[in-house]
Protein backbone atom coordinates (compact mmCIF):
# COMPACT_ATOMS: atom_id res chain seq x y z
CA MET A 1 35.36 -68.12 15.89
CA SER A 2 31.88 -69.50 15.78
CA VAL A 3 29.43 -69.90 12.95
CA GLY A 4 25.79 -70.43 13.76
CA LEU A 5 23.50 -71.77 11.06
CA HIS A 6 19.76 -71.32 11.30
CA TRP A 7 17.35 -72.68 8.69
CA GLN A 8 13.94 -71.05 8.61
CA THR A 9 13.06 -72.71 5.31
CA GLU A 10 11.99 -76.23 4.38
CA ALA A 11 15.13 -77.67 2.82
CA GLU A 12 18.85 -77.39 3.45
CA GLU A 13 20.45 -77.23 0.00
CA LEU A 14 23.90 -76.34 1.31
CA VAL A 15 25.36 -78.78 3.80
CA PRO A 16 26.30 -77.18 7.12
CA GLY A 17 30.02 -77.87 6.67
CA ASP A 18 30.02 -76.08 3.32
CA ALA A 19 28.13 -73.10 4.75
CA ARG A 20 30.60 -72.81 7.64
CA ALA A 21 33.53 -73.13 5.23
CA ALA A 22 32.11 -70.27 3.11
CA VAL A 23 31.91 -68.02 6.17
CA GLU A 24 35.41 -68.94 7.33
CA ALA A 25 37.01 -68.50 3.91
CA ALA A 26 35.38 -65.09 3.37
CA LEU A 27 36.40 -63.93 6.86
CA ARG A 28 39.99 -65.03 6.25
CA HIS A 29 40.05 -63.38 2.82
CA GLY A 30 38.63 -60.17 4.26
CA GLY A 31 41.01 -60.12 7.24
CA ARG A 32 38.32 -60.40 9.89
CA TRP A 33 39.18 -63.86 11.16
CA PRO A 34 38.18 -64.91 13.75
CA ALA A 35 34.68 -63.53 14.14
CA ALA A 36 31.37 -64.92 15.31
CA VAL A 37 28.77 -64.98 12.55
CA ASP A 38 25.25 -66.35 12.46
CA VAL A 39 23.87 -67.23 9.03
CA VAL A 40 20.09 -67.37 8.80
CA PHE A 41 18.51 -68.99 5.75
CA VAL A 42 15.10 -67.43 5.13
CA ASP A 43 12.37 -67.10 2.52
CA ASP A 44 11.65 -64.07 0.32
CA GLU A 45 8.92 -62.79 2.64
CA THR A 46 11.22 -62.70 5.66
CA ILE A 47 14.13 -61.09 3.86
CA GLY A 48 11.74 -58.57 2.28
CA GLU A 49 10.50 -57.61 5.75
CA LEU A 50 14.08 -57.13 6.99
CA HIS A 51 15.00 -55.22 3.85
CA GLY A 52 12.06 -52.88 4.39
CA ARG A 53 12.66 -52.43 8.10
CA PHE A 54 16.36 -51.65 7.88
CA LEU A 55 16.84 -50.24 4.38
CA ASP A 56 13.42 -48.81 3.52
CA ASP A 57 13.00 -51.16 0.56
CA PRO A 58 10.39 -53.88 1.18
CA THR A 59 11.31 -55.93 -1.88
CA PRO A 60 12.95 -59.31 -1.39
CA THR A 61 16.69 -59.39 -1.90
CA ASP A 62 19.37 -62.07 -1.94
CA VAL A 63 21.45 -61.33 1.16
CA LEU A 64 21.57 -58.86 4.04
CA SER A 65 24.49 -58.39 6.42
CA PHE A 66 24.34 -56.86 9.87
CA ASP A 67 27.46 -55.96 11.84
CA LEU A 68 26.43 -56.20 15.48
CA GLY A 69 29.63 -54.87 17.03
CA ASP A 70 31.04 -56.04 20.34
CA GLY A 71 27.91 -57.13 22.20
CA ASP A 72 27.18 -60.57 23.60
CA GLY A 73 26.35 -63.25 21.07
CA PRO A 74 27.36 -63.20 17.42
CA GLN A 75 29.31 -60.25 16.11
CA ALA A 76 27.39 -60.38 12.85
CA GLU A 77 24.35 -61.85 11.17
CA VAL A 78 23.95 -62.71 7.51
CA TYR A 79 20.45 -63.39 6.18
CA VAL A 80 20.27 -65.40 2.96
CA SER A 81 17.16 -65.84 0.80
CA VAL A 82 16.93 -69.48 -0.19
CA GLU A 83 14.04 -68.71 -2.54
CA CYS A 84 16.14 -66.12 -4.37
CA ALA A 85 19.02 -68.61 -4.65
CA ARG A 86 16.71 -71.26 -6.08
CA ARG A 87 15.21 -68.81 -8.57
CA VAL A 88 18.52 -67.36 -9.75
CA ALA A 89 20.21 -70.77 -9.92
CA ALA A 90 17.37 -72.08 -12.10
CA GLN A 91 17.59 -69.05 -14.40
CA ARG A 92 21.32 -69.48 -14.78
CA GLY A 93 21.48 -73.27 -14.86
CA ALA A 94 23.67 -73.25 -11.75
CA ALA A 95 23.61 -75.36 -8.59
CA VAL A 96 21.57 -73.93 -5.72
CA ALA A 97 24.36 -74.82 -3.29
CA ARG A 98 26.83 -72.67 -5.24
CA GLU A 99 24.38 -69.77 -5.33
CA LEU A 100 23.87 -70.02 -1.55
CA ALA A 101 27.63 -70.12 -1.02
CA LEU A 102 27.98 -67.01 -3.19
CA TYR A 103 25.40 -65.15 -1.10
CA ILE A 104 27.15 -66.16 2.13
CA VAL A 105 30.53 -65.08 0.79
CA HIS A 106 29.09 -61.80 -0.51
CA GLY A 107 27.43 -61.00 2.82
CA VAL A 108 30.53 -61.84 4.85
CA LEU A 109 32.77 -59.80 2.55
CA HIS A 110 30.52 -56.81 3.27
CA LEU A 111 31.19 -57.42 6.97
CA CYS A 112 34.90 -57.30 6.15
CA GLY A 113 34.62 -53.86 4.57
CA PHE A 114 34.06 -54.74 0.94
CA ASP A 115 31.49 -52.64 -0.84
CA ASP A 116 29.84 -52.73 -4.25
CA ARG A 117 28.19 -49.35 -4.63
CA GLU A 118 30.71 -47.96 -7.11
CA ASP A 119 31.92 -49.74 -10.24
CA ALA A 120 35.52 -50.08 -9.04
CA GLN A 121 34.37 -51.42 -5.66
CA ARG A 122 32.02 -53.86 -7.36
CA LEU A 123 34.87 -55.22 -9.51
CA GLU A 124 37.03 -55.67 -6.40
CA MET A 125 34.21 -57.46 -4.60
CA ARG A 126 33.48 -59.74 -7.59
CA ALA A 127 37.18 -60.66 -7.74
CA ALA A 128 37.19 -61.43 -4.01
CA GLU A 129 34.03 -63.55 -4.37
CA ALA A 130 35.62 -65.49 -7.24
CA GLN A 131 38.81 -66.11 -5.25
CA VAL A 132 36.94 -67.32 -2.18
CA LEU A 133 34.59 -69.55 -4.17
CA ALA A 134 37.54 -71.02 -6.09
CA ALA A 135 39.34 -71.74 -2.80
CA LEU A 136 36.20 -73.57 -1.66
CA GLY A 137 36.27 -75.74 -4.78
CA TYR A 138 33.43 -74.14 -6.69
CA GLY A 139 34.08 -74.01 -10.40
CA ARG A 140 34.54 -70.83 -12.31
CA ASP A 141 31.36 -68.99 -13.17
CA ASP A 142 31.29 -68.34 -16.90
CA ASP A 143 28.10 -66.33 -16.53
CA PRO A 144 28.97 -63.80 -13.85
CA GLN A 145 26.01 -62.11 -12.35
CA ASP A 146 25.26 -59.00 -10.46
CA VAL A 147 22.31 -60.12 -8.37
CA THR A 148 23.29 -57.84 -5.55
CA SER A 149 22.57 -54.17 -5.77
CA PRO A 150 24.07 -51.22 -3.92
CA SER A 151 22.84 -50.37 -0.45
CA ARG A 152 21.37 -53.79 0.33
CA GLU A 153 23.60 -54.51 3.28
CA LYS A 154 23.36 -52.55 6.51
CA LYS A 155 26.65 -52.04 8.24
């Protein structure tokens, strides 16, 4: 199991150990442990470009997951928009680190087969996110959000 962290933004608002722990906990919860995952923290412009290139929607999004299969290097990549996390955390009065951890967990759960396109699937994914975040020591979210929308992650 390896977790690569790559910051393409100015500030690291989630310490590397916490980011790695979020990946590991989500992989374990989703039954895909061990796996090699690279997490890339980007800005809205970069994630919008990826979103447009791979999902035909050039708008910025919160997180994108790519399952790379059995090739050399990481088995998966998760791109996280730090700008989106900052914006949403400010709107909700939440910590940016928690928002980033949520995006990592959400992206990794997609890699584990979780989906959120249908209502029942979305409820299952939200429950999984809550369990993983609680296991990581993040407090309960009394203002649950649905910042992710269907079809954002490419599998």
